[in-house]
Amino acid sequence: MPQSLACLLVHLTFLTKDRMPVITPEIEKELFPYLNGIAKNCDSPALAIGGASDHVHLLLSQARTWSLSDLVEALKTGSSKWIKTKGAPFKGFKWQTGYAAFSIGRSNEVAVRKYIARQREHHRKITFKDEIRAFLKKYRVDFDERYVWD
């Protein structure tokens, strides 16, 4: 085949350092479009972005030419540098080291978009830790609880 083709949908989520609740509705109005701009620059447009006060979720159409780790690094580094310019409350802003990423088939795209859009409401009922535990179980990811949280 002379052409390389791919359809890689990834549900990505990552936390603020120490799960600090700094992503207010006001800052997310700028943060989410900023993350989308970074994703576009990585040829991996965001199909949905949402989150809660201490984490974000992105549904990305990952470029076949970008590794997941490089894409996550670009998103976290770029957005961290940007958010630090948003005033004193964000001067020491950092994302936690890790992330969780799950492959999504086209048949689940609409459900994941809706899930991401309802993050603030969703986290009134379930903690982020319980959410990630459920994802890891659903996607059959073996993990050691001692190393999941920092």
N, C-alpha and C. Protein backbone atom coordinates (compact mmCIF):
# COMPACT_ATOMS: atom_id res chain seq x y z
N MET A 1 0.85 -1.17 0.00
CA MET A 1 0.00 0.00 0.00
C MET A 1 0.90 1.23 0.00
N PRO A 2 0.76 2.12 -0.96
CA PRO A 2 1.64 3.28 -1.05
C PRO A 2 1.30 4.40 -0.06
N GLN A 3 0.12 4.34 0.53
CA GLN A 3 -0.31 5.42 1.42
C GLN A 3 -0.51 4.86 2.83
N SER A 4 -0.16 5.64 3.85
CA SER A 4 -0.36 5.23 5.24
C SER A 4 -1.62 5.90 5.77
N LEU A 5 -2.54 5.10 6.27
CA LEU A 5 -3.82 5.60 6.75
C LEU A 5 -4.06 5.11 8.17
N ALA A 6 -4.73 5.91 8.97
CA ALA A 6 -5.02 5.51 10.34
C ALA A 6 -6.24 6.25 10.86
N CYS A 7 -6.98 5.59 11.73
CA CYS A 7 -8.08 6.20 12.48
C CYS A 7 -7.85 5.81 13.93
N LEU A 8 -7.24 6.72 14.68
CA LEU A 8 -6.86 6.46 16.06
C LEU A 8 -7.56 7.45 16.98
N LEU A 9 -8.66 7.04 17.59
CA LEU A 9 -9.35 7.89 18.54
C LEU A 9 -8.88 7.51 19.94
N VAL A 10 -8.49 8.52 20.71
CA VAL A 10 -7.94 8.30 22.04
C VAL A 10 -8.68 9.16 23.05
N HIS A 11 -9.15 8.52 24.12
CA HIS A 11 -9.72 9.24 25.25
C HIS A 11 -8.58 9.41 26.24
N LEU A 12 -8.17 10.65 26.45
CA LEU A 12 -7.02 11.00 27.28
C LEU A 12 -7.49 11.79 28.49
N THR A 13 -6.92 11.50 29.64
CA THR A 13 -7.22 12.29 30.83
C THR A 13 -5.96 12.45 31.67
N PHE A 14 -5.82 13.64 32.27
CA PHE A 14 -4.70 13.88 33.18
C PHE A 14 -5.10 14.92 34.23
N LEU A 15 -4.38 14.89 35.35
CA LEU A 15 -4.69 15.67 36.54
C LEU A 15 -3.79 16.88 36.75
N THR A 16 -4.29 17.83 37.51
CA THR A 16 -3.43 18.90 38.01
C THR A 16 -2.54 18.32 39.10
N LYS A 17 -1.38 18.91 39.32
CA LYS A 17 -0.46 18.47 40.36
C LYS A 17 -1.16 18.49 41.72
N ASP A 18 -1.02 17.42 42.45
CA ASP A 18 -1.63 17.27 43.78
C ASP A 18 -3.15 17.43 43.75
N ARG A 19 -3.73 17.24 42.57
CA ARG A 19 -5.17 17.35 42.35
C ARG A 19 -5.74 18.68 42.87
N MET A 20 -4.96 19.73 42.66
CA MET A 20 -5.39 21.07 43.07
C MET A 20 -6.59 21.50 42.21
N PRO A 21 -7.67 21.98 42.83
CA PRO A 21 -8.89 22.34 42.10
C PRO A 21 -8.81 23.75 41.50
N VAL A 22 -7.94 23.93 40.52
CA VAL A 22 -7.70 25.27 39.96
C VAL A 22 -8.37 25.50 38.60
N ILE A 23 -8.95 24.47 38.03
CA ILE A 23 -9.59 24.65 36.72
C ILE A 23 -11.03 25.09 36.96
N THR A 24 -11.19 26.38 37.07
CA THR A 24 -12.50 26.98 37.31
C THR A 24 -13.25 27.09 35.98
N PRO A 25 -14.57 27.25 36.03
CA PRO A 25 -15.30 27.44 34.77
C PRO A 25 -14.76 28.62 33.96
N GLU A 26 -14.26 29.65 34.64
CA GLU A 26 -13.74 30.82 33.93
C GLU A 26 -12.45 30.49 33.18
N ILE A 27 -11.53 29.78 33.83
CA ILE A 27 -10.25 29.48 33.17
C ILE A 27 -10.43 28.40 32.10
N GLU A 28 -11.39 27.48 32.31
CA GLU A 28 -11.57 26.43 31.30
C GLU A 28 -12.08 26.99 29.98
N LYS A 29 -12.75 28.14 30.02
CA LYS A 29 -13.22 28.78 28.78
C LYS A 29 -12.05 29.14 27.87
N GLU A 30 -10.88 29.37 28.46
CA GLU A 30 -9.67 29.64 27.68
C GLU A 30 -8.80 28.39 27.54
N LEU A 31 -8.74 27.59 28.61
CA LEU A 31 -7.88 26.40 28.62
C LEU A 31 -8.28 25.38 27.56
N PHE A 32 -9.56 25.09 27.46
CA PHE A 32 -10.00 24.06 26.52
C PHE A 32 -9.69 24.44 25.07
N PRO A 33 -9.99 25.66 24.64
CA PRO A 33 -9.58 26.05 23.28
C PRO A 33 -8.06 26.05 23.10
N TYR A 34 -7.33 26.40 24.16
CA TYR A 34 -5.87 26.38 24.07
C TYR A 34 -5.37 24.96 23.87
N LEU A 35 -5.91 24.02 24.64
CA LEU A 35 -5.55 22.61 24.45
C LEU A 35 -5.90 22.14 23.04
N ASN A 36 -7.05 22.58 22.54
CA ASN A 36 -7.44 22.22 21.18
C ASN A 36 -6.45 22.75 20.16
N GLY A 37 -5.96 23.97 20.37
CA GLY A 37 -4.96 24.54 19.47
C GLY A 37 -3.67 23.73 19.47
N ILE A 38 -3.24 23.30 20.64
CA ILE A 38 -2.04 22.46 20.72
C ILE A 38 -2.28 21.16 19.98
N ALA A 39 -3.43 20.54 20.22
CA ALA A 39 -3.75 19.27 19.56
C ALA A 39 -3.75 19.43 18.04
N LYS A 40 -4.34 20.51 17.55
CA LYS A 40 -4.35 20.77 16.11
C LYS A 40 -2.93 20.92 15.57
N ASN A 41 -2.08 21.65 16.31
CA ASN A 41 -0.68 21.81 15.89
C ASN A 41 0.07 20.48 15.86
N CYS A 42 -0.43 19.50 16.57
CA CYS A 42 0.16 18.15 16.58
C CYS A 42 -0.57 17.25 15.59
N ASP A 43 -1.36 17.84 14.71
CA ASP A 43 -2.15 17.09 13.72
C ASP A 43 -3.07 16.07 14.37
N SER A 44 -3.52 16.37 15.59
CA SER A 44 -4.37 15.46 16.36
C SER A 44 -5.54 16.23 16.95
N PRO A 45 -6.47 16.67 16.11
CA PRO A 45 -7.53 17.55 16.60
C PRO A 45 -8.36 16.92 17.71
N ALA A 46 -8.77 17.77 18.63
CA ALA A 46 -9.64 17.34 19.72
C ALA A 46 -11.08 17.30 19.20
N LEU A 47 -11.74 16.20 19.43
CA LEU A 47 -13.15 16.06 19.06
C LEU A 47 -14.04 16.49 20.22
N ALA A 48 -13.48 16.44 21.44
CA ALA A 48 -14.19 16.88 22.64
C ALA A 48 -13.17 17.17 23.73
N ILE A 49 -13.45 18.19 24.53
CA ILE A 49 -12.61 18.52 25.68
C ILE A 49 -13.54 18.91 26.81
N GLY A 50 -13.27 18.38 27.99
CA GLY A 50 -14.05 18.71 29.18
C GLY A 50 -13.22 18.42 30.40
N GLY A 51 -13.83 18.55 31.54
CA GLY A 51 -13.09 18.25 32.75
C GLY A 51 -13.80 18.75 33.98
N ALA A 52 -13.07 18.70 35.06
CA ALA A 52 -13.55 19.16 36.35
C ALA A 52 -12.45 20.06 36.92
N SER A 53 -12.57 20.42 38.17
CA SER A 53 -11.66 21.40 38.74
C SER A 53 -10.22 20.92 38.85
N ASP A 54 -10.01 19.60 38.81
CA ASP A 54 -8.65 19.07 39.00
C ASP A 54 -8.16 18.18 37.86
N HIS A 55 -8.90 18.07 36.76
CA HIS A 55 -8.43 17.24 35.65
C HIS A 55 -9.16 17.59 34.35
N VAL A 56 -8.59 17.11 33.26
CA VAL A 56 -9.20 17.30 31.95
C VAL A 56 -9.35 15.96 31.25
N HIS A 57 -10.31 15.92 30.34
CA HIS A 57 -10.53 14.78 29.44
C HIS A 57 -10.49 15.33 28.02
N LEU A 58 -9.83 14.61 27.13
CA LEU A 58 -9.82 14.98 25.72
C LEU A 58 -10.12 13.74 24.89
N LEU A 59 -10.93 13.90 23.87
CA LEU A 59 -11.11 12.86 22.85
C LEU A 59 -10.37 13.38 21.64
N LEU A 60 -9.30 12.68 21.28
CA LEU A 60 -8.41 13.13 20.21
C LEU A 60 -8.45 12.19 19.02
N SER A 61 -8.31 12.75 17.85
CA SER A 61 -8.06 11.97 16.65
C SER A 61 -6.55 12.01 16.44
N GLN A 62 -5.86 11.04 17.01
CA GLN A 62 -4.39 11.06 17.06
C GLN A 62 -3.78 10.86 15.68
N ALA A 63 -2.86 11.73 15.36
CA ALA A 63 -2.12 11.62 14.09
C ALA A 63 -1.28 10.35 14.09
N ARG A 64 -1.17 9.71 12.96
CA ARG A 64 -0.36 8.50 12.87
C ARG A 64 1.13 8.81 12.99
N THR A 65 1.49 10.08 12.85
CA THR A 65 2.90 10.47 12.89
C THR A 65 3.35 10.94 14.28
N TRP A 66 2.45 10.95 15.24
CA TRP A 66 2.78 11.37 16.60
C TRP A 66 2.63 10.20 17.55
N SER A 67 3.63 9.97 18.39
CA SER A 67 3.47 8.97 19.43
C SER A 67 2.57 9.56 20.51
N LEU A 68 1.89 8.69 21.23
CA LEU A 68 1.00 9.17 22.28
C LEU A 68 1.79 9.96 23.33
N SER A 69 2.94 9.45 23.74
CA SER A 69 3.71 10.14 24.78
C SER A 69 4.16 11.53 24.32
N ASP A 70 4.56 11.67 23.06
CA ASP A 70 4.95 12.99 22.55
C ASP A 70 3.76 13.94 22.47
N LEU A 71 2.60 13.41 22.10
CA LEU A 71 1.38 14.22 22.03
C LEU A 71 0.99 14.71 23.42
N VAL A 72 1.02 13.81 24.40
CA VAL A 72 0.68 14.20 25.77
C VAL A 72 1.68 15.24 26.30
N GLU A 73 2.95 15.03 26.01
CA GLU A 73 3.97 15.99 26.45
C GLU A 73 3.70 17.37 25.86
N ALA A 74 3.37 17.43 24.58
CA ALA A 74 3.08 18.72 23.94
C ALA A 74 1.86 19.38 24.58
N LEU A 75 0.81 18.62 24.84
CA LEU A 75 -0.39 19.17 25.45
C LEU A 75 -0.12 19.70 26.86
N LYS A 76 0.56 18.90 27.67
CA LYS A 76 0.79 19.28 29.06
C LYS A 76 1.81 20.42 29.17
N THR A 77 2.89 20.34 28.43
CA THR A 77 3.92 21.38 28.50
C THR A 77 3.38 22.71 27.99
N GLY A 78 2.76 22.69 26.83
CA GLY A 78 2.24 23.93 26.24
C GLY A 78 1.17 24.57 27.09
N SER A 79 0.23 23.78 27.59
CA SER A 79 -0.85 24.35 28.39
C SER A 79 -0.35 24.81 29.76
N SER A 80 0.62 24.12 30.32
CA SER A 80 1.19 24.52 31.60
C SER A 80 1.89 25.88 31.48
N LYS A 81 2.68 26.05 30.43
CA LYS A 81 3.35 27.34 30.22
C LYS A 81 2.33 28.45 30.04
N TRP A 82 1.27 28.17 29.28
CA TRP A 82 0.25 29.17 29.02
C TRP A 82 -0.50 29.55 30.30
N ILE A 83 -0.94 28.55 31.07
CA ILE A 83 -1.77 28.84 32.25
C ILE A 83 -1.00 29.63 33.31
N LYS A 84 0.33 29.46 33.34
CA LYS A 84 1.14 30.22 34.30
C LYS A 84 1.12 31.72 34.01
N THR A 85 0.72 32.11 32.81
CA THR A 85 0.64 33.53 32.45
C THR A 85 -0.69 34.15 32.86
N LYS A 86 -1.57 33.37 33.46
CA LYS A 86 -2.93 33.82 33.76
C LYS A 86 -3.10 34.42 35.15
N GLY A 87 -2.02 34.82 35.75
CA GLY A 87 -2.12 35.53 37.02
C GLY A 87 -1.56 34.74 38.19
N ALA A 88 -1.54 35.40 39.33
CA ALA A 88 -0.93 34.86 40.55
C ALA A 88 -1.44 33.48 40.96
N PRO A 89 -2.74 33.20 40.87
CA PRO A 89 -3.20 31.88 41.31
C PRO A 89 -2.62 30.71 40.50
N PHE A 90 -2.09 31.01 39.33
CA PHE A 90 -1.59 29.95 38.43
C PHE A 90 -0.08 29.95 38.28
N LYS A 91 0.62 30.81 39.02
CA LYS A 91 2.07 30.95 38.86
C LYS A 91 2.83 29.64 39.01
N GLY A 92 2.43 28.80 39.96
CA GLY A 92 3.12 27.52 40.19
C GLY A 92 2.41 26.33 39.59
N PHE A 93 1.53 26.58 38.62
CA PHE A 93 0.72 25.50 38.05
C PHE A 93 1.56 24.39 37.44
N LYS A 94 1.13 23.16 37.67
CA LYS A 94 1.74 21.98 37.04
C LYS A 94 0.67 20.92 36.85
N TRP A 95 0.89 20.08 35.85
CA TRP A 95 0.09 18.86 35.69
C TRP A 95 0.82 17.74 36.42
N GLN A 96 0.09 16.74 36.88
CA GLN A 96 0.74 15.57 37.45
C GLN A 96 1.52 14.86 36.34
N THR A 97 2.46 14.03 36.74
CA THR A 97 3.36 13.37 35.80
C THR A 97 2.63 12.46 34.82
N GLY A 98 1.75 11.64 35.30
CA GLY A 98 1.15 10.60 34.47
C GLY A 98 -0.09 11.04 33.71
N TYR A 99 -0.69 10.07 33.06
CA TYR A 99 -1.93 10.27 32.32
C TYR A 99 -2.57 8.91 32.10
N ALA A 100 -3.81 8.90 31.69
CA ALA A 100 -4.50 7.68 31.30
C ALA A 100 -5.02 7.90 29.88
N ALA A 101 -4.84 6.89 29.04
CA ALA A 101 -5.30 6.98 27.66
C ALA A 101 -5.93 5.66 27.25
N PHE A 102 -7.05 5.76 26.55
CA PHE A 102 -7.80 4.58 26.16
C PHE A 102 -8.21 4.71 24.70
N SER A 103 -8.09 3.63 23.96
CA SER A 103 -8.49 3.65 22.56
C SER A 103 -10.02 3.57 22.47
N ILE A 104 -10.57 4.31 21.53
CA ILE A 104 -12.01 4.40 21.36
C ILE A 104 -12.33 4.05 19.90
N GLY A 105 -13.28 3.18 19.70
CA GLY A 105 -13.74 2.89 18.35
C GLY A 105 -14.73 3.95 17.89
N ARG A 106 -14.86 4.12 16.59
CA ARG A 106 -15.81 5.11 16.04
C ARG A 106 -17.21 4.88 16.57
N SER A 107 -17.58 3.63 16.83
CA SER A 107 -18.94 3.34 17.31
C SER A 107 -19.19 3.91 18.71
N ASN A 108 -18.14 4.20 19.46
CA ASN A 108 -18.29 4.77 20.81
C ASN A 108 -18.02 6.27 20.87
N GLU A 109 -17.73 6.88 19.74
CA GLU A 109 -17.35 8.29 19.73
C GLU A 109 -18.42 9.19 20.33
N VAL A 110 -19.68 9.02 19.96
CA VAL A 110 -20.75 9.89 20.44
C VAL A 110 -20.91 9.75 21.95
N ALA A 111 -20.86 8.53 22.46
CA ALA A 111 -20.99 8.30 23.90
C ALA A 111 -19.85 8.96 24.67
N VAL A 112 -18.63 8.88 24.15
CA VAL A 112 -17.48 9.49 24.82
C VAL A 112 -17.59 11.01 24.78
N ARG A 113 -18.04 11.56 23.67
CA ARG A 113 -18.24 13.01 23.58
C ARG A 113 -19.22 13.48 24.66
N LYS A 114 -20.34 12.76 24.82
CA LYS A 114 -21.34 13.12 25.83
C LYS A 114 -20.75 12.99 27.23
N TYR A 115 -20.01 11.93 27.46
CA TYR A 115 -19.39 11.70 28.76
C TYR A 115 -18.45 12.86 29.12
N ILE A 116 -17.64 13.28 28.18
CA ILE A 116 -16.69 14.37 28.42
C ILE A 116 -17.43 15.69 28.66
N ALA A 117 -18.51 15.91 27.93
CA ALA A 117 -19.27 17.15 28.08
C ALA A 117 -19.92 17.28 29.46
N ARG A 118 -20.18 16.15 30.13
CA ARG A 118 -20.85 16.17 31.43
C ARG A 118 -19.91 15.98 32.61
N GLN A 119 -18.65 16.30 32.46
CA GLN A 119 -17.67 16.03 33.52
C GLN A 119 -17.97 16.72 34.85
N ARG A 120 -18.28 17.98 34.83
CA ARG A 120 -18.53 18.67 36.11
C ARG A 120 -19.70 18.03 36.85
N GLU A 121 -20.76 17.72 36.15
CA GLU A 121 -21.92 17.05 36.76
C GLU A 121 -21.54 15.65 37.23
N HIS A 122 -20.82 14.93 36.41
CA HIS A 122 -20.40 13.56 36.71
C HIS A 122 -19.60 13.50 38.01
N HIS A 123 -18.73 14.46 38.23
CA HIS A 123 -17.86 14.41 39.40
C HIS A 123 -18.51 14.94 40.67
N ARG A 124 -19.76 15.27 40.60
CA ARG A 124 -20.52 15.51 41.83
C ARG A 124 -20.91 14.18 42.45
N LYS A 125 -20.85 13.11 41.66
CA LYS A 125 -21.31 11.78 42.10
C LYS A 125 -20.18 10.77 42.27
N ILE A 126 -19.07 10.97 41.59
CA ILE A 126 -17.98 9.98 41.61
C ILE A 126 -16.64 10.71 41.67
N THR A 127 -15.71 10.15 42.42
CA THR A 127 -14.38 10.77 42.51
C THR A 127 -13.56 10.42 41.27
N PHE A 128 -12.52 11.21 41.04
CA PHE A 128 -11.63 10.93 39.92
C PHE A 128 -10.99 9.55 40.08
N LYS A 129 -10.56 9.21 41.30
CA LYS A 129 -9.94 7.90 41.53
C LYS A 129 -10.89 6.77 41.17
N ASP A 130 -12.14 6.87 41.60
CA ASP A 130 -13.11 5.82 41.26
C ASP A 130 -13.38 5.78 39.76
N GLU A 131 -13.36 6.95 39.13
CA GLU A 131 -13.55 7.01 37.68
C GLU A 131 -12.41 6.27 36.96
N ILE A 132 -11.17 6.55 37.35
CA ILE A 132 -10.02 5.89 36.70
C ILE A 132 -10.02 4.40 36.99
N ARG A 133 -10.33 4.02 38.23
CA ARG A 133 -10.42 2.57 38.55
C ARG A 133 -11.43 1.88 37.63
N ALA A 134 -12.57 2.51 37.41
CA ALA A 134 -13.59 1.93 36.54
C ALA A 134 -13.09 1.81 35.10
N PHE A 135 -12.38 2.85 34.61
CA PHE A 135 -11.81 2.77 33.26
C PHE A 135 -10.80 1.63 33.15
N LEU A 136 -9.92 1.54 34.13
CA LEU A 136 -8.89 0.50 34.09
C LEU A 136 -9.52 -0.88 34.09
N LYS A 137 -10.57 -1.05 34.86
CA LYS A 137 -11.28 -2.34 34.89
C LYS A 137 -11.97 -2.60 33.55
N LYS A 138 -12.68 -1.58 33.04
CA LYS A 138 -13.41 -1.72 31.77
C LYS A 138 -12.47 -2.09 30.62
N TYR A 139 -11.30 -1.45 30.58
CA TYR A 139 -10.35 -1.69 29.49
C TYR A 139 -9.34 -2.79 29.81
N ARG A 140 -9.56 -3.47 30.94
CA ARG A 140 -8.73 -4.61 31.35
C ARG A 140 -7.25 -4.25 31.42
N VAL A 141 -6.97 -3.13 32.06
CA VAL A 141 -5.60 -2.68 32.25
C VAL A 141 -5.14 -3.16 33.63
N ASP A 142 -4.11 -3.98 33.65
CA ASP A 142 -3.54 -4.42 34.92
C ASP A 142 -2.80 -3.24 35.55
N PHE A 143 -3.02 -3.04 36.85
CA PHE A 143 -2.34 -1.94 37.53
C PHE A 143 -2.14 -2.28 38.99
N ASP A 144 -1.17 -1.62 39.57
CA ASP A 144 -0.89 -1.73 40.99
C ASP A 144 -1.27 -0.40 41.61
N GLU A 145 -2.26 -0.41 42.47
CA GLU A 145 -2.80 0.81 43.08
C GLU A 145 -1.70 1.67 43.72
N ARG A 146 -0.64 1.05 44.20
CA ARG A 146 0.44 1.81 44.85
C ARG A 146 1.12 2.76 43.88
N TYR A 147 1.04 2.50 42.58
CA TYR A 147 1.79 3.30 41.61
C TYR A 147 0.90 4.14 40.70
N VAL A 148 -0.41 4.10 40.93
CA VAL A 148 -1.32 4.84 40.07
C VAL A 148 -1.42 6.31 40.49
N TRP A 149 -1.37 6.56 41.78
CA TRP A 149 -1.59 7.92 42.30
C TRP A 149 -0.29 8.51 42.80
N ASP A 150 -0.06 9.78 42.51
CA ASP A 150 1.11 10.45 43.10
C ASP A 150 0.69 11.67 43.86
